[in-house]
Protein backbone atom coordinates (compact mmCIF):
# COMPACT_ATOMS: atom_id res chain seq x y z
CA MET A 1 95.99 91.53 58.60
CA ALA A 2 96.42 89.80 55.24
CA LYS A 3 94.14 90.70 52.37
CA ALA A 4 93.43 88.43 49.45
CA GLN A 5 92.64 89.79 46.01
CA THR A 6 91.87 87.84 42.90
CA ALA A 7 91.69 89.54 39.54
CA LYS A 8 89.21 88.07 37.10
CA THR A 9 91.41 88.90 34.12
CA ILE A 10 94.72 87.41 35.35
CA LYS A 11 95.61 84.24 33.50
CA PRO A 12 98.59 82.34 34.89
CA THR A 13 101.28 80.93 32.63
CA ARG A 14 101.60 77.17 32.25
CA LYS A 15 104.47 77.05 34.76
CA GLU A 16 102.58 79.24 37.26
CA LYS A 17 99.47 77.10 36.86
CA SER A 18 101.51 73.98 37.58
CA GLU A 19 102.87 75.61 40.76
CA LEU A 20 99.36 76.69 41.76
CA LYS A 21 98.06 73.15 41.25
CA SER A 22 100.85 71.82 43.45
CA ARG A 23 100.00 74.29 46.24
CA MET A 24 96.28 73.57 45.91
CA SER A 25 96.97 69.81 46.12
CA ASN A 26 98.54 70.46 49.52
CA PHE A 27 95.51 72.51 50.59
CA LEU A 28 93.14 69.71 49.59
CA MET A 29 94.72 67.56 52.31
CA PHE A 30 93.09 69.92 54.83
CA ILE A 31 89.49 69.11 53.76
CA PRO A 32 88.87 66.73 56.72
CA ASN A 33 90.21 69.38 59.12
CA PHE A 34 88.00 72.01 57.47
CA LEU A 35 84.93 69.82 58.00
CA LYS A 36 85.86 69.33 61.67
CA LEU A 37 86.34 73.09 62.00
CA LEU A 38 82.95 73.84 60.49
CA GLY A 39 81.36 71.30 62.84
CA LYS A 40 83.03 72.94 65.86
CA LEU A 41 81.95 76.39 64.67
CA LEU A 42 78.35 75.14 64.39
CA ALA A 43 78.48 74.37 68.12
CA ASP A 44 80.27 77.61 69.11
CA SER A 45 77.87 80.12 70.71
CA ARG A 46 79.98 83.08 69.48
CA VAL A 47 79.16 82.26 65.86
CA PRO A 48 76.07 84.08 64.51
CA LEU A 49 73.12 81.94 63.39
CA ALA A 50 73.39 83.09 59.74
CA GLU A 51 77.02 81.94 59.62
CA LYS A 52 76.04 78.60 61.14
CA ALA A 53 73.50 78.14 58.36
CA LEU A 54 76.21 78.85 55.78
CA PHE A 55 78.54 76.34 57.48
CA ALA A 56 75.84 73.68 57.39
CA GLY A 57 75.39 74.42 53.68
CA ALA A 58 79.15 74.26 53.09
CA ILE A 59 79.40 70.90 54.88
CA PHE A 60 76.51 69.57 52.82
CA TYR A 61 78.15 70.87 49.61
CA VAL A 62 81.48 69.21 50.43
CA ILE A 63 80.02 65.79 51.27
CA MET A 64 77.57 65.77 48.33
CA PRO A 65 79.10 63.86 45.41
CA LEU A 66 77.29 66.02 42.86
CA ASP A 67 77.94 69.76 42.91
CA PHE A 68 79.17 72.43 40.45
CA ILE A 69 82.17 70.27 39.62
CA PRO A 70 81.45 66.65 40.61
CA ASP A 71 83.90 65.15 43.08
CA VAL A 72 84.42 62.16 40.80
CA LEU A 73 86.68 64.43 38.73
CA PRO A 74 90.08 64.15 40.41
CA PHE A 75 91.59 67.34 41.85
CA ILE A 76 89.30 69.94 40.26
CA GLY A 77 86.25 68.26 41.81
CA GLN A 78 87.65 69.01 45.26
CA VAL A 79 88.96 72.52 44.49
CA ASP A 80 85.48 74.05 44.37
CA ASP A 81 84.68 72.35 47.71
CA VAL A 82 87.72 73.74 49.53
CA TYR A 83 87.17 77.15 47.88
CA LEU A 84 83.61 77.36 49.18
CA VAL A 85 84.79 76.41 52.68
CA ALA A 86 87.51 79.08 52.55
CA LEU A 87 84.97 81.71 51.46
CA THR A 88 82.60 80.83 54.31
CA LEU A 89 85.46 81.02 56.81
CA LEU A 90 86.61 84.39 55.47
CA ARG A 91 83.04 85.65 55.70
CA LEU A 92 82.92 84.64 59.37
CA ILE A 93 86.28 86.30 60.01
CA ASN A 94 84.97 89.51 58.40
CA ARG A 95 81.85 89.47 60.59
CA THR A 96 83.31 88.37 63.91
CA ASP A 97 86.76 87.96 65.40
CA GLU A 98 89.35 85.73 63.77
CA THR A 99 90.22 84.28 67.18
CA VAL A 100 86.89 82.40 67.09
CA VAL A 101 88.09 80.52 64.02
CA ARG A 102 91.65 80.09 65.30
CA GLU A 103 90.49 78.66 68.64
CA ASN A 104 88.43 75.99 66.87
CA TRP A 105 91.14 75.06 64.33
CA ALA A 106 92.86 71.75 65.07
CA GLY A 107 94.89 71.55 61.84
CA GLY A 108 98.41 72.74 61.23
CA GLY A 109 99.37 76.28 60.27
CA ASP A 110 97.40 79.50 60.55
CA ILE A 111 93.81 78.98 59.40
CA VAL A 112 93.33 82.62 58.39
CA SER A 113 96.41 82.58 56.13
CA LEU A 114 95.38 79.19 54.78
CA ALA A 115 91.86 80.40 53.89
CA ASN A 116 93.31 83.53 52.24
CA SER A 117 95.73 81.44 50.17
CA ILE A 118 92.94 79.13 49.00
CA ALA A 119 90.75 82.13 48.13
CA ASN A 120 93.61 83.51 46.00
CA ILE A 121 94.55 80.32 44.19
CA ALA A 122 91.26 78.47 43.58
CA PRO A 123 89.71 81.04 41.19
CA MET A 124 92.72 80.67 38.90
CA LEU A 125 92.18 76.90 38.68
CA LEU A 126 88.38 76.76 38.50
CA PRO A 127 86.27 77.50 35.44
CA LYS A 128 85.12 81.14 35.42
CA ARG A 129 81.45 80.18 35.66
CA VAL A 130 82.00 78.19 38.84
CA THR A 131 84.05 80.99 40.40
CA LYS A 132 81.32 83.49 39.52
CA VAL A 133 78.58 81.36 41.09
CA LEU A 134 80.57 80.79 44.29
CA THR A 135 81.59 84.44 44.72
CA SER A 136 78.52 86.33 43.49
CA GLU A 137 76.92 88.68 45.92
CA VAL A 138 73.18 88.20 45.95
CA GLU A 139 70.23 90.03 47.39
CA LEU A 140 67.35 87.97 48.72
CA ALA A 141 63.75 88.99 48.22
CA SER A 142 61.66 89.92 51.25
CA ALA A 143 59.68 87.17 52.97
CA GLY A 144 56.41 88.45 51.45
CA LYS A 145 57.85 88.51 47.94
CA ALA A 146 59.38 85.07 48.45
CA ILE A 147 56.03 83.53 49.41
CA LYS A 148 54.34 85.28 46.49
CA ALA A 149 57.08 84.14 44.11
CA LEU A 150 56.74 80.54 45.26
CA THR A 151 53.03 80.53 44.57
CA LYS A 152 53.08 82.44 41.28
CA LYS A 153 56.58 81.48 40.06
CA LYS A 154 56.97 84.83 38.30
CA GLU A 155 58.96 86.91 40.76
CA VAL A 156 62.69 86.73 41.38
CA LEU A 157 63.75 85.25 44.72
CA VAL A 158 67.47 85.94 44.40
CA LYS A 159 69.05 88.74 42.38
CA GLU A 160 72.76 88.90 41.60
CA ILE A 161 74.43 92.18 42.51
CA PRO A 162 76.98 93.23 39.82
CA GLN A 163 80.58 93.10 41.00
CA GLU A 164 83.56 95.32 40.28
CA GLU A 165 86.38 94.04 38.08
CA MET A 166 88.35 93.07 41.17
CA LEU A 167 86.96 90.66 43.74
CA LYS A 168 88.19 91.54 47.21
CA ILE A 169 88.10 89.17 50.11
CA ASP A 170 89.30 90.70 53.36
CA SER A 171 90.22 88.73 56.42
CA ARG A 172 89.37 91.72 58.63
CA PRO A 173 86.41 94.12 58.79
């Protein structure tokens, strides 16, 4: 199926950025449908528990007025929200079957293509720091280390795993 790739070093021209903003504006109209989709996926028994936890976090992130880019900032404040939702959907698609997502989608168009398009465009519009935080792969500490770290506050709970120059987001395993 379709694969999305975003290069960290690609900088769009002014005209390209304007076109990207126009496309992203259209994608932002889908935010209510994305929230409904995440809610339906939370209730779907075919969705793994870990993915459900991520969906709950994504819903919370979208409805919270204060996040990496506050929603009070027009346009860009919503781009990070829709980007995070697209990443969580692509993660589910990579770990299960895309039909699970398609069956729960009530919006127009193909949800897999839509999520891939958002994952391609959003990093070019967001500040690099925000993109890095939202796309970083992390490794969690073991439960024992986590408890120890909470009590002593000296150990690392989450460690970022270095990424390659190219970030790849596949819609299939």
